[in-house]
Amino acid sequence: MPLFGKRNYTTVKVRKRDIPNGLWLKCPSCTEIIFKQELDAGLGVCPKCAHHFQMDRKSRINMFMEEGSFQEWDAGFYSVDTLGFTGTASYQEKLDDNIKKTGYKDAISCGRGRLGPHDVAFGVMDFEFLGASMGSVVGEKVTRLIERGTELRLPVVLVCTSGGARMYEGMLSLMQMAKTSAALSRHAQAGLAYIPILTHPTMAGVMASYATLGDVIVAEPGALIGFAGPRVIKETTQQDLPEGFQRSEFLLKHGLLDMVVNRKELKPTIVQILDYMSGAEAGRRQASS
C-alpha cells in the first residue's frame, strides 16, 4: 500500500449569499468600507475620517427645514435649448436624461420654510443635475428667491454647489452672475441677512457671484472652492501652487470664508447666526436676566 494513496474528496458546493448593490461604500479619503445605512444616519459624513460625501437636495432640505414647513417656489421652471446646442448629444437630450435621473426639472430647488425658529427663504443646489451648472433657470430661480425674501422681509439661506456656467446656454448663462448679484445688493440695502453655505464643489460663476456675497460665508470641510480648476491655474500662471489652496480650510485661513463647519453642526450654527443677526439672541438674554 503506497504511503501517499489517492484519496476521494467530496466536493461541497456552498451557495454564495447575494448581497444587494449599494449597501457598502468606500470612503475616497480614508478608503474604509462604510455601511451605507450608517453613512445616511450620519448625514453623509464618514464615521472614520469625517469626509463629507455629496448630498442630494431632498436630504439637504430635510436636514435644514423643520418637518412639513418647506413650501417650494417655481418648481415648474425648466430649461430650454435656446441656442440649439449640439455636441456628442444635444442639450435637450442631456436635459431629458437629467430630469429622468433626478426627478427634478433643473439644478436648484427654492422655497420658504422654517429653520429652527426662523422663517427663511431657502434654496439648495443639486450637483446630480448637470453638475449644478448655472443656466438661465438656475439664475432666475435664485434671483426670484432673493427678491421674494426681500419682499417678505425674510433672511435668505442658500446651499451652493456648482461645476460652473452651463456652456450649452452660452452668454445667457454668464448673464446670471450680474442678475443674482444685483438682487443680493437690493436685499442687503433692505437690511436683510443672506447666508450662503458652500459645499463640494463650488466653482466658477456661482463662486464668483452669489456664493461669496453673503453676510456670513459658511463652508463644509474639504470643499473645493474656486473660479478655475487647479490645473488651469497652474498652466496659466506657470507656477507651483500651494497644496490644498482651493479647499475650504485654506480659504478660511486666508480670509475668503468666515466659518468652516462640520455638516452635523451646520443647522444649529446657522440658527445661531440668524439669532444674532435678527436680535433674537439678545432678546432671549434680556428676558432671562
C-alpha atoms as a PDB file:
ATOM      1  CA  MET A   1       0.000   0.000   0.000  1.00  0.00           C
ATOM      2  CA  PRO A   2       1.563   3.295  -1.058  1.00  0.00           C
ATOM      3  CA  LEU A   3       2.321   5.828   1.635  1.00  0.00           C
ATOM      4  CA  PHE A   4       0.544   8.628  -0.187  1.00  0.00           C
ATOM      5  CA  GLY A   5      -2.508   6.997  -1.577  1.00  0.00           C
ATOM      6  CA  LYS A   6      -5.131   8.691  -3.686  1.00  0.00           C
ATOM      7  CA  ARG A   7      -7.990   9.897  -1.570  1.00  0.00           C
ATOM      8  CA  ASN A   8     -11.532  10.585  -2.528  1.00  0.00           C
ATOM      9  CA  TYR A   9     -12.758  14.066  -1.618  1.00  0.00           C
ATOM     10  CA  THR A  10     -16.377  15.077  -1.607  1.00  0.00           C
ATOM     11  CA  THR A  11     -16.933  18.493  -3.118  1.00  0.00           C
ATOM     12  CA  VAL A  12     -19.428  20.573  -1.184  1.00  0.00           C
ATOM     13  CA  LYS A  13     -20.969  23.451  -3.052  1.00  0.00           C
ATOM     14  CA  VAL A  14     -21.549  26.453  -0.827  1.00  0.00           C
ATOM     15  CA  ARG A  15     -24.179  28.802  -2.076  1.00  0.00           C
ATOM     16  CA  LYS A  16     -22.885  32.325  -2.154  1.00  0.00           C
ATOM     17  CA  ARG A  17     -25.240  34.722  -0.444  1.00  0.00           C
ATOM     18  CA  ASP A  18     -26.358  37.512  -2.688  1.00  0.00           C
ATOM     19  CA  ILE A  19     -25.535  40.953  -1.318  1.00  0.00           C
ATOM     20  CA  PRO A  20     -27.547  43.789  -2.874  1.00  0.00           C
ATOM     21  CA  ASN A  21     -25.557  46.525  -4.575  1.00  0.00           C
ATOM     22  CA  GLY A  22     -25.201  49.850  -2.794  1.00  0.00           C
ATOM     23  CA  LEU A  23     -25.122  48.532   0.779  1.00  0.00           C
ATOM     24  CA  TRP A  24     -21.466  49.440   1.264  1.00  0.00           C
ATOM     25  CA  LEU A  25     -19.407  52.410   0.134  1.00  0.00           C
ATOM     26  CA  LYS A  26     -15.680  53.072   0.074  1.00  0.00           C
ATOM     27  CA  CYS A  27     -14.614  56.386   1.549  1.00  0.00           C
ATOM     28  CA  PRO A  28     -12.444  58.248  -1.019  1.00  0.00           C
ATOM     29  CA  SER A  29     -10.458  59.866   1.798  1.00  0.00           C
ATOM     30  CA  CYS A  30      -9.586  57.081   4.275  1.00  0.00           C
ATOM     31  CA  THR A  31     -10.514  54.142   1.941  1.00  0.00           C
ATOM     32  CA  GLU A  32     -12.528  52.488   4.732  1.00  0.00           C
ATOM     33  CA  ILE A  33     -15.616  50.489   3.780  1.00  0.00           C
ATOM     34  CA  ILE A  34     -18.750  52.101   5.252  1.00  0.00           C
ATOM     35  CA  PHE A  35     -22.228  50.663   5.687  1.00  0.00           C
ATOM     36  CA  LYS A  36     -24.486  52.985   3.666  1.00  0.00           C
ATOM     37  CA  GLN A  37     -27.191  52.996   6.322  1.00  0.00           C
ATOM     38  CA  GLU A  38     -24.642  54.206   8.869  1.00  0.00           C
ATOM     39  CA  LEU A  39     -23.459  56.881   6.429  1.00  0.00           C
ATOM     40  CA  ASP A  40     -27.017  58.112   5.805  1.00  0.00           C
ATOM     41  CA  ALA A  41     -27.709  58.262   9.541  1.00  0.00           C
ATOM     42  CA  GLY A  42     -24.593  60.411   9.921  1.00  0.00           C
ATOM     43  CA  LEU A  43     -25.730  62.927   7.265  1.00  0.00           C
ATOM     44  CA  GLY A  44     -23.215  61.637   4.727  1.00  0.00           C
ATOM     45  CA  VAL A  45     -20.168  62.195   6.946  1.00  0.00           C
ATOM     46  CA  CYS A  46     -17.652  59.343   7.107  1.00  0.00           C
ATOM     47  CA  PRO A  47     -17.612  57.961  10.684  1.00  0.00           C
ATOM     48  CA  LYS A  48     -13.895  57.144  10.355  1.00  0.00           C
ATOM     49  CA  CYS A  49     -12.337  60.330   8.978  1.00  0.00           C
ATOM     50  CA  ALA A  50     -15.226  62.882   8.740  1.00  0.00           C
ATOM     51  CA  HIS A  51     -15.006  63.082   4.946  1.00  0.00           C
ATOM     52  CA  HIS A  52     -18.127  64.844   3.636  1.00  0.00           C
ATOM     53  CA  PHE A  53     -19.862  62.964   0.844  1.00  0.00           C
ATOM     54  CA  GLN A  54     -22.032  64.896  -1.610  1.00  0.00           C
ATOM     55  CA  MET A  55     -25.652  65.164  -0.536  1.00  0.00           C
ATOM     56  CA  ASP A  56     -28.794  65.238  -2.693  1.00  0.00           C
ATOM     57  CA  ARG A  57     -31.235  68.140  -2.477  1.00  0.00           C
ATOM     58  CA  LYS A  58     -34.031  66.241  -0.743  1.00  0.00           C
ATOM     59  CA  SER A  59     -31.676  65.231   2.066  1.00  0.00           C
ATOM     60  CA  ARG A  60     -30.452  68.826   2.338  1.00  0.00           C
ATOM     61  CA  ILE A  61     -33.994  70.150   2.621  1.00  0.00           C
ATOM     62  CA  ASN A  62     -34.857  67.563   5.270  1.00  0.00           C
ATOM     63  CA  MET A  63     -31.643  68.367   7.112  1.00  0.00           C
ATOM     64  CA  PHE A  64     -32.319  72.112   7.409  1.00  0.00           C
ATOM     65  CA  MET A  65     -36.081  72.582   7.246  1.00  0.00           C
ATOM     66  CA  GLU A  66     -38.435  71.755  10.076  1.00  0.00           C
ATOM     67  CA  GLU A  67     -40.687  68.845   9.151  1.00  0.00           C
ATOM     68  CA  GLY A  68     -43.538  69.834   6.829  1.00  0.00           C
ATOM     69  CA  SER A  69     -42.566  73.525   6.739  1.00  0.00           C
ATOM     70  CA  PHE A  70     -40.924  73.766   3.297  1.00  0.00           C
ATOM     71  CA  GLN A  71     -43.122  75.211   0.539  1.00  0.00           C
ATOM     72  CA  GLU A  72     -41.400  75.126  -2.850  1.00  0.00           C
ATOM     73  CA  TRP A  73     -41.487  78.080  -5.221  1.00  0.00           C
ATOM     74  CA  ASP A  74     -41.211  77.962  -9.029  1.00  0.00           C
ATOM     75  CA  ALA A  75     -40.994  74.160  -9.152  1.00  0.00           C
ATOM     76  CA  GLY A  76     -42.336  74.130 -12.720  1.00  0.00           C
ATOM     77  CA  PHE A  77     -39.462  76.155 -14.232  1.00  0.00           C
ATOM     78  CA  TYR A  78     -37.436  74.197 -16.801  1.00  0.00           C
ATOM     79  CA  SER A  79     -34.592  74.951 -19.215  1.00  0.00           C
ATOM     80  CA  VAL A  80     -34.987  75.170 -22.989  1.00  0.00           C
ATOM     81  CA  ASP A  81     -32.419  74.744 -25.739  1.00  0.00           C
ATOM     82  CA  THR A  82     -32.455  78.358 -26.946  1.00  0.00           C
ATOM     83  CA  LEU A  83     -29.194  78.070 -28.909  1.00  0.00           C
ATOM     84  CA  GLY A  84     -29.925  74.668 -30.477  1.00  0.00           C
ATOM     85  CA  PHE A  85     -26.699  73.349 -28.971  1.00  0.00           C
ATOM     86  CA  THR A  86     -25.394  70.045 -30.318  1.00  0.00           C
ATOM     87  CA  GLY A  87     -22.293  68.055 -29.434  1.00  0.00           C
ATOM     88  CA  THR A  88     -21.913  64.348 -28.773  1.00  0.00           C
ATOM     89  CA  ALA A  89     -25.519  64.751 -27.619  1.00  0.00           C
ATOM     90  CA  SER A  90     -27.909  67.671 -27.848  1.00  0.00           C
ATOM     91  CA  TYR A  91     -28.616  69.931 -24.871  1.00  0.00           C
ATOM     92  CA  GLN A  92     -32.236  68.807 -24.922  1.00  0.00           C
ATOM     93  CA  GLU A  93     -31.184  65.156 -24.671  1.00  0.00           C
ATOM     94  CA  LYS A  94     -28.970  65.981 -21.685  1.00  0.00           C
ATOM     95  CA  LEU A  95     -31.815  67.854 -20.011  1.00  0.00           C
ATOM     96  CA  ASP A  96     -34.214  64.957 -20.568  1.00  0.00           C
ATOM     97  CA  ASP A  97     -31.684  62.462 -19.174  1.00  0.00           C
ATOM     98  CA  ASN A  98     -31.063  64.548 -16.041  1.00  0.00           C
ATOM     99  CA  ILE A  99     -34.756  65.161 -15.417  1.00  0.00           C
ATOM    100  CA  LYS A 100     -35.320  61.415 -15.623  1.00  0.00           C
ATOM    101  CA  LYS A 101     -32.308  60.666 -13.392  1.00  0.00           C
ATOM    102  CA  THR A 102     -33.089  63.161 -10.603  1.00  0.00           C
ATOM    103  CA  GLY A 103     -36.850  63.608 -10.823  1.00  0.00           C
ATOM    104  CA  TYR A 104     -36.403  67.404 -10.877  1.00  0.00           C
ATOM    105  CA  LYS A 105     -36.717  69.915 -13.730  1.00  0.00           C
ATOM    106  CA  ASP A 106     -33.427  71.714 -13.045  1.00  0.00           C
ATOM    107  CA  ALA A 107     -30.445  72.005 -10.707  1.00  0.00           C
ATOM    108  CA  ILE A 108     -31.970  74.013  -7.857  1.00  0.00           C
ATOM    109  CA  SER A 109     -34.982  73.947  -5.557  1.00  0.00           C
ATOM    110  CA  CYS A 110     -36.132  77.126  -3.799  1.00  0.00           C
ATOM    111  CA  GLY A 111     -38.897  77.949  -1.383  1.00  0.00           C
ATOM    112  CA  ARG A 112     -39.933  79.123   2.037  1.00  0.00           C
ATOM    113  CA  GLY A 113     -39.612  77.168   5.250  1.00  0.00           C
ATOM    114  CA  ARG A 114     -38.703  77.229   8.897  1.00  0.00           C
ATOM    115  CA  LEU A 115     -35.109  76.779  10.001  1.00  0.00           C
ATOM    116  CA  GLY A 116     -35.317  76.304  13.744  1.00  0.00           C
ATOM    117  CA  PRO A 117     -37.471  79.225  14.960  1.00  0.00           C
ATOM    118  CA  HIS A 118     -36.717  81.328  11.861  1.00  0.00           C
ATOM    119  CA  ASP A 119     -38.875  81.725   8.768  1.00  0.00           C
ATOM    120  CA  VAL A 120     -36.447  81.825   5.827  1.00  0.00           C
ATOM    121  CA  ALA A 121     -36.239  81.881   2.049  1.00  0.00           C
ATOM    122  CA  PHE A 122     -34.252  78.717   1.377  1.00  0.00           C
ATOM    123  CA  GLY A 123     -32.563  77.299  -1.716  1.00  0.00           C
ATOM    124  CA  VAL A 124     -30.455  74.211  -2.384  1.00  0.00           C
ATOM    125  CA  MET A 125     -28.411  73.365  -5.474  1.00  0.00           C
ATOM    126  CA  ASP A 126     -28.013  69.777  -6.647  1.00  0.00           C
ATOM    127  CA  PHE A 127     -24.772  68.569  -8.282  1.00  0.00           C
ATOM    128  CA  GLU A 128     -26.523  65.478  -9.653  1.00  0.00           C
ATOM    129  CA  PHE A 129     -28.337  67.651 -12.211  1.00  0.00           C
ATOM    130  CA  LEU A 130     -25.769  68.586 -14.892  1.00  0.00           C
ATOM    131  CA  GLY A 131     -23.148  69.344 -12.250  1.00  0.00           C
ATOM    132  CA  ALA A 132     -25.424  72.064 -10.803  1.00  0.00           C
ATOM    133  CA  SER A 133     -24.302  74.279 -13.669  1.00  0.00           C
ATOM    134  CA  MET A 134     -25.814  77.772 -13.636  1.00  0.00           C
ATOM    135  CA  GLY A 135     -28.090  78.310 -16.608  1.00  0.00           C
ATOM    136  CA  SER A 136     -30.986  80.702 -17.101  1.00  0.00           C
ATOM    137  CA  VAL A 137     -33.378  78.726 -14.896  1.00  0.00           C
ATOM    138  CA  VAL A 138     -30.918  78.435 -12.001  1.00  0.00           C
ATOM    139  CA  GLY A 139     -30.138  82.157 -12.214  1.00  0.00           C
ATOM    140  CA  GLU A 140     -33.816  83.092 -12.451  1.00  0.00           C
ATOM    141  CA  LYS A 141     -34.829  80.901  -9.510  1.00  0.00           C
ATOM    142  CA  VAL A 142     -32.008  82.262  -7.334  1.00  0.00           C
ATOM    143  CA  THR A 143     -32.977  85.829  -8.267  1.00  0.00           C
ATOM    144  CA  ARG A 144     -36.665  85.201  -7.509  1.00  0.00           C
ATOM    145  CA  LEU A 145     -35.733  83.534  -4.213  1.00  0.00           C
ATOM    146  CA  ILE A 146     -33.768  86.602  -3.143  1.00  0.00           C
ATOM    147  CA  GLU A 147     -36.394  89.071  -4.388  1.00  0.00           C
ATOM    148  CA  ARG A 148     -39.192  87.242  -2.582  1.00  0.00           C
ATOM    149  CA  GLY A 149     -37.042  87.141   0.526  1.00  0.00           C
ATOM    150  CA  THR A 150     -36.648  90.923   0.232  1.00  0.00           C
ATOM    151  CA  GLU A 151     -40.375  91.449  -0.353  1.00  0.00           C
ATOM    152  CA  LEU A 152     -41.405  89.212   2.553  1.00  0.00           C
ATOM    153  CA  ARG A 153     -38.623  90.533   4.840  1.00  0.00           C
ATOM    154  CA  LEU A 154     -37.044  87.089   5.174  1.00  0.00           C
ATOM    155  CA  PRO A 155     -33.385  86.119   5.545  1.00  0.00           C
ATOM    156  CA  VAL A 156     -32.063  84.055   2.642  1.00  0.00           C
ATOM    157  CA  VAL A 157     -30.111  80.831   3.191  1.00  0.00           C
ATOM    158  CA  LEU A 158     -28.694  79.180   0.063  1.00  0.00           C
ATOM    159  CA  VAL A 159     -26.786  75.880  -0.128  1.00  0.00           C
ATOM    160  CA  CYS A 160     -24.370  76.249  -3.042  1.00  0.00           C
ATOM    161  CA  THR A 161     -22.629  73.724  -5.254  1.00  0.00           C
ATOM    162  CA  SER A 162     -21.712  74.010  -8.924  1.00  0.00           C
ATOM    163  CA  GLY A 163     -19.249  72.989 -11.564  1.00  0.00           C
ATOM    164  CA  GLY A 164     -19.660  76.373 -13.255  1.00  0.00           C
ATOM    165  CA  ALA A 165     -21.589  78.016 -16.077  1.00  0.00           C
ATOM    166  CA  ARG A 166     -23.919  75.959 -18.257  1.00  0.00           C
ATOM    167  CA  MET A 167     -21.972  76.060 -21.508  1.00  0.00           C
ATOM    168  CA  TYR A 168     -24.970  74.873 -23.515  1.00  0.00           C
ATOM    169  CA  GLU A 169     -26.577  78.289 -22.938  1.00  0.00           C
ATOM    170  CA  GLY A 170     -23.563  80.432 -23.820  1.00  0.00           C
ATOM    171  CA  MET A 171     -23.797  84.106 -22.891  1.00  0.00           C
ATOM    172  CA  LEU A 172     -27.237  83.597 -21.333  1.00  0.00           C
ATOM    173  CA  SER A 173     -25.565  81.596 -18.588  1.00  0.00           C
ATOM    174  CA  LEU A 174     -22.941  84.272 -17.842  1.00  0.00           C
ATOM    175  CA  MET A 175     -25.632  86.959 -17.532  1.00  0.00           C
ATOM    176  CA  GLN A 176     -26.981  85.205 -14.418  1.00  0.00           C
ATOM    177  CA  MET A 177     -23.959  86.348 -12.408  1.00  0.00           C
ATOM    178  CA  ALA A 178     -24.918  90.009 -12.722  1.00  0.00           C
ATOM    179  CA  LYS A 179     -28.637  89.361 -12.227  1.00  0.00           C
ATOM    180  CA  THR A 180     -28.253  87.409  -8.984  1.00  0.00           C
ATOM    181  CA  SER A 181     -25.659  89.855  -7.636  1.00  0.00           C
ATOM    182  CA  ALA A 182     -27.982  92.818  -8.263  1.00  0.00           C
ATOM    183  CA  ALA A 183     -30.799  91.087  -6.387  1.00  0.00           C
ATOM    184  CA  LEU A 184     -28.473  90.492  -3.443  1.00  0.00           C
ATOM    185  CA  SER A 185     -27.457  94.158  -3.426  1.00  0.00           C
ATOM    186  CA  ARG A 186     -31.109  95.197  -3.064  1.00  0.00           C
ATOM    187  CA  HIS A 187     -31.596  92.560  -0.350  1.00  0.00           C
ATOM    188  CA  ALA A 188     -28.642  93.968   1.602  1.00  0.00           C
ATOM    189  CA  GLN A 189     -29.918  97.547   1.194  1.00  0.00           C
ATOM    190  CA  ALA A 190     -33.172  96.385   2.799  1.00  0.00           C
ATOM    191  CA  GLY A 191     -31.141  95.376   5.871  1.00  0.00           C
ATOM    192  CA  LEU A 192     -31.839  91.642   5.466  1.00  0.00           C
ATOM    193  CA  ALA A 193     -29.491  88.724   6.075  1.00  0.00           C
ATOM    194  CA  TYR A 194     -28.039  86.423   3.439  1.00  0.00           C
ATOM    195  CA  ILE A 195     -26.057  83.298   4.370  1.00  0.00           C
ATOM    196  CA  PRO A 196     -24.526  81.132   1.618  1.00  0.00           C
ATOM    197  CA  ILE A 197     -23.332  77.631   2.528  1.00  0.00           C
ATOM    198  CA  LEU A 198     -20.579  76.416   0.189  1.00  0.00           C
ATOM    199  CA  THR A 199     -20.352  72.662  -0.372  1.00  0.00           C
ATOM    200  CA  HIS A 200     -18.114  70.471  -2.522  1.00  0.00           C
ATOM    201  CA  PRO A 201     -17.576  71.680  -5.212  1.00  0.00           C
ATOM    202  CA  THR A 202     -18.500  75.361  -5.590  1.00  0.00           C
ATOM    203  CA  MET A 203     -16.741  76.696  -8.651  1.00  0.00           C
ATOM    204  CA  ALA A 204     -16.633  79.319 -11.427  1.00  0.00           C
ATOM    205  CA  GLY A 205     -19.595  81.667 -11.960  1.00  0.00           C
ATOM    206  CA  VAL A 206     -21.515  80.598  -8.860  1.00  0.00           C
ATOM    207  CA  MET A 207     -18.464  81.089  -6.655  1.00  0.00           C
ATOM    208  CA  ALA A 208     -17.762  84.443  -8.332  1.00  0.00           C
ATOM    209  CA  SER A 209     -21.287  85.717  -7.693  1.00  0.00           C
ATOM    210  CA  TYR A 210     -23.901  84.784  -5.107  1.00  0.00           C
ATOM    211  CA  ALA A 211     -21.877  82.068  -3.341  1.00  0.00           C
ATOM    212  CA  THR A 212     -19.416  84.615  -1.925  1.00  0.00           C
ATOM    213  CA  LEU A 213     -21.612  87.686  -1.429  1.00  0.00           C
ATOM    214  CA  GLY A 214     -23.016  86.670   1.938  1.00  0.00           C
ATOM    215  CA  ASP A 215     -23.055  88.478   5.264  1.00  0.00           C
ATOM    216  CA  VAL A 216     -21.551  85.322   6.774  1.00  0.00           C
ATOM    217  CA  ILE A 217     -19.980  82.851   4.327  1.00  0.00           C
ATOM    218  CA  VAL A 218     -20.044  79.296   5.645  1.00  0.00           C
ATOM    219  CA  ALA A 219     -18.451  76.208   4.052  1.00  0.00           C
ATOM    220  CA  GLU A 220     -18.291  72.484   4.715  1.00  0.00           C
ATOM    221  CA  PRO A 221     -14.888  70.890   5.441  1.00  0.00           C
ATOM    222  CA  GLY A 222     -12.784  69.883   2.467  1.00  0.00           C
ATOM    223  CA  ALA A 223     -14.975  71.631  -0.108  1.00  0.00           C
ATOM    224  CA  LEU A 224     -13.327  72.575  -3.415  1.00  0.00           C
ATOM    225  CA  ILE A 225     -13.988  76.296  -3.914  1.00  0.00           C
ATOM    226  CA  GLY A 226     -12.602  78.483  -6.679  1.00  0.00           C
ATOM    227  CA  PHE A 227     -13.098  80.106 -10.054  1.00  0.00           C
ATOM    228  CA  ALA A 228     -10.962  77.903 -12.315  1.00  0.00           C
ATOM    229  CA  GLY A 229      -9.609  74.440 -11.583  1.00  0.00           C
ATOM    230  CA  PRO A 230      -6.075  73.917 -10.175  1.00  0.00           C
ATOM    231  CA  ARG A 231      -4.750  72.524 -13.457  1.00  0.00           C
ATOM    232  CA  VAL A 232      -5.968  75.533 -15.453  1.00  0.00           C
ATOM    233  CA  ILE A 233      -4.474  77.989 -12.961  1.00  0.00           C
ATOM    234  CA  LYS A 234      -1.135  76.190 -12.930  1.00  0.00           C
ATOM    235  CA  GLU A 235      -0.948  76.111 -16.723  1.00  0.00           C
ATOM    236  CA  THR A 236      -1.870  79.795 -16.926  1.00  0.00           C
ATOM    237  CA  THR A 237       0.487  81.102 -14.227  1.00  0.00           C
ATOM    238  CA  GLN A 238       3.282  78.572 -14.843  1.00  0.00           C
ATOM    239  CA  GLN A 239       3.798  78.386 -11.084  1.00  0.00           C
ATOM    240  CA  ASP A 240       3.619  75.670  -8.471  1.00  0.00           C
ATOM    241  CA  LEU A 241       0.570  76.175  -6.282  1.00  0.00           C
ATOM    242  CA  PRO A 242       0.233  75.583  -2.520  1.00  0.00           C
ATOM    243  CA  GLU A 243      -1.241  72.209  -1.642  1.00  0.00           C
ATOM    244  CA  GLY A 244      -4.959  72.425  -0.979  1.00  0.00           C
ATOM    245  CA  PHE A 245      -5.112  76.096  -1.950  1.00  0.00           C
ATOM    246  CA  GLN A 246      -8.714  75.787  -3.158  1.00  0.00           C
ATOM    247  CA  ARG A 247     -10.015  73.829  -0.178  1.00  0.00           C
ATOM    248  CA  SER A 248     -12.244  75.439   2.416  1.00  0.00           C
ATOM    249  CA  GLU A 249      -9.685  75.226   5.252  1.00  0.00           C
ATOM    250  CA  PHE A 250      -7.072  77.128   3.201  1.00  0.00           C
ATOM    251  CA  LEU A 251      -9.635  79.742   2.152  1.00  0.00           C
ATOM    252  CA  LEU A 252     -10.770  80.230   5.756  1.00  0.00           C
ATOM    253  CA  LYS A 253      -7.181  80.836   6.802  1.00  0.00           C
ATOM    254  CA  HIS A 254      -6.724  83.416   4.031  1.00  0.00           C
ATOM    255  CA  GLY A 255      -9.945  85.330   4.638  1.00  0.00           C
ATOM    256  CA  LEU A 256     -12.378  84.299   1.890  1.00  0.00           C
ATOM    257  CA  LEU A 257     -14.618  82.345   4.276  1.00  0.00           C
ATOM    258  CA  ASP A 258     -15.969  83.196   7.691  1.00  0.00           C
ATOM    259  CA  MET A 259     -16.572  79.684   9.007  1.00  0.00           C
ATOM    260  CA  VAL A 260     -15.909  76.037   8.137  1.00  0.00           C
ATOM    261  CA  VAL A 261     -18.477  73.876   9.896  1.00  0.00           C
ATOM    262  CA  ASN A 262     -18.961  70.117  10.080  1.00  0.00           C
ATOM    263  CA  ARG A 263     -22.245  69.119   8.453  1.00  0.00           C
ATOM    264  CA  LYS A 264     -23.567  67.712  11.709  1.00  0.00           C
ATOM    265  CA  GLU A 265     -23.222  71.170  13.269  1.00  0.00           C
ATOM    266  CA  LEU A 266     -24.442  73.200  10.304  1.00  0.00           C
ATOM    267  CA  LYS A 267     -28.086  73.608  11.239  1.00  0.00           C
ATOM    268  CA  PRO A 268     -27.532  74.769  14.853  1.00  0.00           C
ATOM    269  CA  THR A 269     -24.746  77.057  13.624  1.00  0.00           C
ATOM    270  CA  ILE A 270     -26.982  78.724  11.014  1.00  0.00           C
ATOM    271  CA  VAL A 271     -29.760  79.080  13.605  1.00  0.00           C
ATOM    272  CA  GLN A 272     -27.292  80.757  15.965  1.00  0.00           C
ATOM    273  CA  ILE A 273     -26.159  83.162  13.220  1.00  0.00           C
ATOM    274  CA  LEU A 274     -29.771  84.034  12.381  1.00  0.00           C
ATOM    275  CA  ASP A 275     -30.474  84.518  16.103  1.00  0.00           C
ATOM    276  CA  TYR A 276     -27.634  87.005  16.313  1.00  0.00           C
ATOM    277  CA  MET A 277     -28.493  88.849  13.099  1.00  0.00           C
ATOM    278  CA  SER A 278     -32.173  89.135  13.987  1.00  0.00           C
ATOM    279  CA  GLY A 279     -31.560  90.203  17.574  1.00  0.00           C
ATOM    280  CA  ALA A 280     -33.328  87.119  18.913  1.00  0.00           C
ATOM    281  CA  GLU A 281     -30.311  86.034  20.951  1.00  0.00           C
ATOM    282  CA  ALA A 282     -30.094  89.427  22.670  1.00  0.00           C
ATOM    283  CA  GLY A 283     -33.838  89.315  23.329  1.00  0.00           C
ATOM    284  CA  ARG A 284     -33.588  85.895  24.976  1.00  0.00           C
ATOM    285  CA  ARG A 285     -30.702  87.035  27.161  1.00  0.00           C
ATOM    286  CA  GLN A 286     -32.632  90.119  28.249  1.00  0.00           C
ATOM    287  CA  ALA A 287     -35.709  88.022  29.055  1.00  0.00           C
ATOM    288  CA  SER A 288     -33.703  85.577  31.164  1.00  0.00           C
ATOM    289  CA  SER A 289     -31.869  88.274  33.148  1.00  0.00           C
END
